[in-house]
Each structure stands twice: as C-alpha cells, then as structure tokens.
Amino acid sequence: MTASTVLLPVDLDAEVAELLPMRETLFFNINVAPVIAVNLSFAINAASIGSIANSAAWQEVIVLQQ
C-alpha cells in the first residue's frame, strides 16, 4: 500500500481479525537479573620520598538471568 492508495470501507470489511488465546504462562512471568560488578585496585606508596605509585583495575560484570 503506497501513500496514494485509497482505502475503501469495502477493503476494511474484507479484513479478518482474531483474538490471540490467553497466555497463562506469561501472566506471572517475572524476570529478575541480578548484576554483580567488582572493581578493586590497590596502590601503596609507603616509606619512600618522591616516588609514584600507580594502580590499574580490571572490572568484571556478571549477569545471571534465567
């Protein structure tokens, strides 16, 4: 159907619609996805003068979904 096509009441009468059956399995469908993210890093600069301590952290994200 293009933008210039005219839709007549006869065309609408020819269409058929049917209700879908009730989906009991989806009625109580609860989807919970706990997300755990850990980002931990330590840098220790003790008992030294003029030194630099660098630290880098790797982040890991875990999502458990059933």
Protein backbone atom coordinates (compact mmCIF):
# COMPACT_ATOMS: atom_id res chain seq x y z
CA MET A 1 0.00 0.00 0.00
CA THR A 2 1.53 3.30 -1.02
CA ALA A 3 0.73 6.76 0.29
CA SER A 4 -1.50 7.48 -2.71
CA THR A 5 -3.64 4.34 -2.30
CA VAL A 6 -7.23 4.96 -1.21
CA LEU A 7 -8.66 2.65 1.43
CA LEU A 8 -12.35 1.96 0.98
CA PRO A 9 -14.84 0.61 3.56
CA VAL A 10 -15.19 -2.47 1.36
CA ASP A 11 -11.48 -3.17 1.88
CA LEU A 12 -11.90 -2.92 5.65
CA ASP A 13 -14.86 -5.30 5.60
CA ALA A 14 -12.70 -7.89 3.83
CA GLU A 15 -10.15 -7.89 6.68
CA VAL A 16 -10.38 -10.59 9.36
CA ALA A 17 -9.15 -10.18 12.94
CA GLU A 18 -8.87 -12.86 15.58
CA LEU A 19 -8.01 -12.54 19.27
CA LEU A 20 -4.99 -14.45 20.46
CA PRO A 21 -5.56 -17.08 23.17
CA MET A 22 -4.73 -16.15 26.76
CA ARG A 23 -1.13 -16.97 27.59
CA GLU A 24 -1.27 -18.27 31.15
CA THR A 25 2.48 -18.88 31.18
CA LEU A 26 3.20 -15.19 30.67
CA PHE A 27 0.77 -13.95 33.32
CA PHE A 28 3.20 -14.44 36.23
CA ASN A 29 6.40 -14.08 34.22
CA ILE A 30 8.87 -12.26 36.49
CA ASN A 31 12.31 -11.71 35.05
CA VAL A 32 14.98 -10.86 37.60
CA ALA A 33 18.59 -10.34 36.59
CA PRO A 34 20.96 -9.63 39.48
CA VAL A 35 24.05 -7.74 38.35
CA ILE A 36 27.33 -8.00 40.25
CA ALA A 37 30.21 -5.70 39.34
CA VAL A 38 33.55 -5.64 41.13
CA ASN A 39 36.29 -3.09 40.53
CA LEU A 40 39.15 -3.30 43.02
CA SER A 41 42.58 -1.71 42.93
CA PHE A 42 45.34 -1.01 45.45
CA ALA A 43 48.33 1.32 45.24
CA ILE A 44 50.72 1.56 48.15
CA ASN A 45 53.39 4.21 48.39
CA ALA A 46 54.88 3.98 51.87
CA ALA A 47 58.26 4.90 53.36
CA SER A 48 59.55 6.45 50.16
CA ILE A 49 60.17 10.06 49.25
CA GLY A 50 59.37 11.38 45.76
CA SER A 51 58.17 8.08 44.33
CA ILE A 52 54.98 7.38 42.40
CA ALA A 53 52.53 4.53 42.92
CA ASN A 54 50.24 3.51 40.06
CA SER A 55 47.31 1.18 40.16
CA ALA A 56 45.09 -0.31 37.47
CA ALA A 57 41.90 -2.28 37.98
CA TRP A 58 40.13 -4.81 35.82
CA GLN A 59 36.34 -4.65 36.03
CA GLU A 60 34.23 -7.74 35.63
CA VAL A 61 30.45 -7.67 35.34
CA ILE A 62 28.37 -10.82 35.87
CA VAL A 63 24.69 -11.03 34.94
CA LEU A 64 22.74 -14.14 35.91
CA GLN A 65 19.42 -14.49 34.13
CA GLN A 66 17.14 -17.46 33.77
